[in-house]
C-alpha atoms as a PDB file:
ATOM      1  CA  MET A   1     232.969  50.826 151.702  1.00  0.00           C
ATOM      2  CA  LEU A   2     230.548  50.682 148.788  1.00  0.00           C
ATOM      3  CA  SER A   3     226.891  51.412 149.352  1.00  0.00           C
ATOM      4  CA  LYS A   4     224.609  48.372 149.320  1.00  0.00           C
ATOM      5  CA  SER A   5     223.006  49.644 146.126  1.00  0.00           C
ATOM      6  CA  ILE A   6     226.359  49.597 144.306  1.00  0.00           C
ATOM      7  CA  LEU A   7     228.026  46.255 144.874  1.00  0.00           C
ATOM      8  CA  PRO A   8     230.662  44.626 142.689  1.00  0.00           C
ATOM      9  CA  VAL A   9     229.455  41.843 140.423  1.00  0.00           C
ATOM     10  CA  GLY A  10     229.020  38.582 142.267  1.00  0.00           C
ATOM     11  CA  GLU A  11     228.412  40.155 145.672  1.00  0.00           C
ATOM     12  CA  SER A  12     224.875  40.255 146.969  1.00  0.00           C
ATOM     13  CA  THR A  13     223.144  41.135 150.188  1.00  0.00           C
ATOM     14  CA  ILE A  14     220.109  39.023 149.290  1.00  0.00           C
ATOM     15  CA  ALA A  15     219.852  35.837 151.313  1.00  0.00           C
ATOM     16  CA  PRO A  16     219.524  32.636 149.276  1.00  0.00           C
ATOM     17  CA  LEU A  17     216.075  31.034 149.117  1.00  0.00           C
ATOM     18  CA  THR A  18     215.195  28.292 151.522  1.00  0.00           C
ATOM     19  CA  THR A  19     214.080  24.959 150.112  1.00  0.00           C
ATOM     20  CA  GLU A  20     210.460  25.775 151.000  1.00  0.00           C
ATOM     21  CA  GLU A  21     210.659  29.199 149.320  1.00  0.00           C
ATOM     22  CA  GLU A  22     212.226  27.714 146.215  1.00  0.00           C
ATOM     23  CA  THR A  23     209.539  25.015 146.044  1.00  0.00           C
ATOM     24  CA  ALA A  24     206.773  27.606 146.453  1.00  0.00           C
ATOM     25  CA  LEU A  25     208.337  29.823 143.791  1.00  0.00           C
ATOM     26  CA  ASN A  26     208.652  26.901 141.370  1.00  0.00           C
ATOM     27  CA  GLN A  27     205.023  25.908 141.976  1.00  0.00           C
ATOM     28  CA  TRP A  28     203.888  29.501 141.399  1.00  0.00           C
ATOM     29  CA  TYR A  29     205.881  29.677 138.164  1.00  0.00           C
ATOM     30  CA  ASP A  30     204.488  26.347 136.939  1.00  0.00           C
ATOM     31  CA  GLU A  31     200.930  27.520 137.686  1.00  0.00           C
ATOM     32  CA  LEU A  32     201.513  30.818 135.881  1.00  0.00           C
ATOM     33  CA  ASP A  33     203.071  28.993 132.929  1.00  0.00           C
ATOM     34  CA  SER A  34     200.114  26.605 132.777  1.00  0.00           C
ATOM     35  CA  GLN A  35     197.644  29.516 132.819  1.00  0.00           C
ATOM     36  CA  TRP A  36     199.558  31.213 130.002  1.00  0.00           C
ATOM     37  CA  LEU A  37     199.657  28.080 127.866  1.00  0.00           C
ATOM     38  CA  THR A  38     195.938  27.563 128.411  1.00  0.00           C
ATOM     39  CA  ALA A  39     195.177  31.187 127.509  1.00  0.00           C
ATOM     40  CA  ILE A  40     197.161  31.161 124.273  1.00  0.00           C
ATOM     41  CA  ASP A  41     195.541  27.884 123.255  1.00  0.00           C
ATOM     42  CA  ASP A  42     192.028  29.404 123.349  1.00  0.00           C
ATOM     43  CA  PRO A  43     191.245  31.377 120.152  1.00  0.00           C
ATOM     44  CA  GLN A  44     188.707  33.477 122.091  1.00  0.00           C
ATOM     45  CA  SER A  45     191.180  34.717 124.709  1.00  0.00           C
ATOM     46  CA  PRO A  46     192.683  38.217 124.554  1.00  0.00           C
ATOM     47  CA  GLU A  47     196.155  36.698 124.860  1.00  0.00           C
ATOM     48  CA  TYR A  48     195.610  34.561 121.757  1.00  0.00           C
ATOM     49  CA  GLN A  49     194.266  37.552 119.827  1.00  0.00           C
ATOM     50  CA  ALA A  50     197.239  39.696 120.876  1.00  0.00           C
ATOM     51  CA  LEU A  51     199.684  37.006 119.751  1.00  0.00           C
ATOM     52  CA  VAL A  52     197.945  36.700 116.377  1.00  0.00           C
ATOM     53  CA  GLU A  53     198.095  40.475 115.889  1.00  0.00           C
ATOM     54  CA  MET A  54     201.770  40.651 116.896  1.00  0.00           C
ATOM     55  CA  GLU A  55     202.662  37.767 114.592  1.00  0.00           C
ATOM     56  CA  ALA A  56     200.876  39.421 111.650  1.00  0.00           C
ATOM     57  CA  GLN A  57     202.649  42.710 112.380  1.00  0.00           C
ATOM     58  CA  MET A  58     206.023  40.969 112.660  1.00  0.00           C
ATOM     59  CA  LEU A  59     205.517  39.147 109.369  1.00  0.00           C
ATOM     60  CA  ALA A  60     204.464  42.380 107.632  1.00  0.00           C
ATOM     61  CA  GLU A  61     207.571  44.157 108.942  1.00  0.00           C
ATOM     62  CA  GLN A  62     209.764  41.242 107.919  1.00  0.00           C
ATOM     63  CA  GLU A  63     208.319  41.287 104.403  1.00  0.00           C
ATOM     64  CA  TYR A  64     208.678  45.066 104.158  1.00  0.00           C
ATOM     65  CA  TYR A  65     212.336  45.043 105.166  1.00  0.00           C
ATOM     66  CA  HIS A  66     213.056  42.008 103.009  1.00  0.00           C
ATOM     67  CA  ASP A  67     211.525  43.683  99.949  1.00  0.00           C
ATOM     68  CA  GLN A  68     213.043  47.068 100.810  1.00  0.00           C
ATOM     69  CA  PHE A  69     216.618  45.950 101.333  1.00  0.00           C
ATOM     70  CA  LEU A  70     217.061  42.663  99.485  1.00  0.00           C
ATOM     71  CA  TYR A  71     218.439  44.331  96.396  1.00  0.00           C
ATOM     72  CA  ALA A  72     219.284  47.737  97.923  1.00  0.00           C
ATOM     73  CA  ASP A  73     222.973  47.306  97.106  1.00  0.00           C
ATOM     74  CA  ARG A  74     222.113  46.762  93.429  1.00  0.00           C
ATOM     75  CA  LEU A  75     220.004  49.921  93.105  1.00  0.00           C
ATOM     76  CA  VAL A  76     222.964  52.265  93.397  1.00  0.00           C
END
């Protein structure tokens, strides 16, 4: 018999959620999602600032790789 930590795909020892547990989990997720959306909508929040910084970094990387490799095959 396989140990409980190594079960074949599709087999689980975790009991399914009850209706009350599922409702509570969905409410918790909705509240967390609402808090996140509120935080990223406020330009003064740390979450908003972090997203702005990450977006700027992503765009800089995208531009770098675009410029670096756009014509790389023609430089040989």
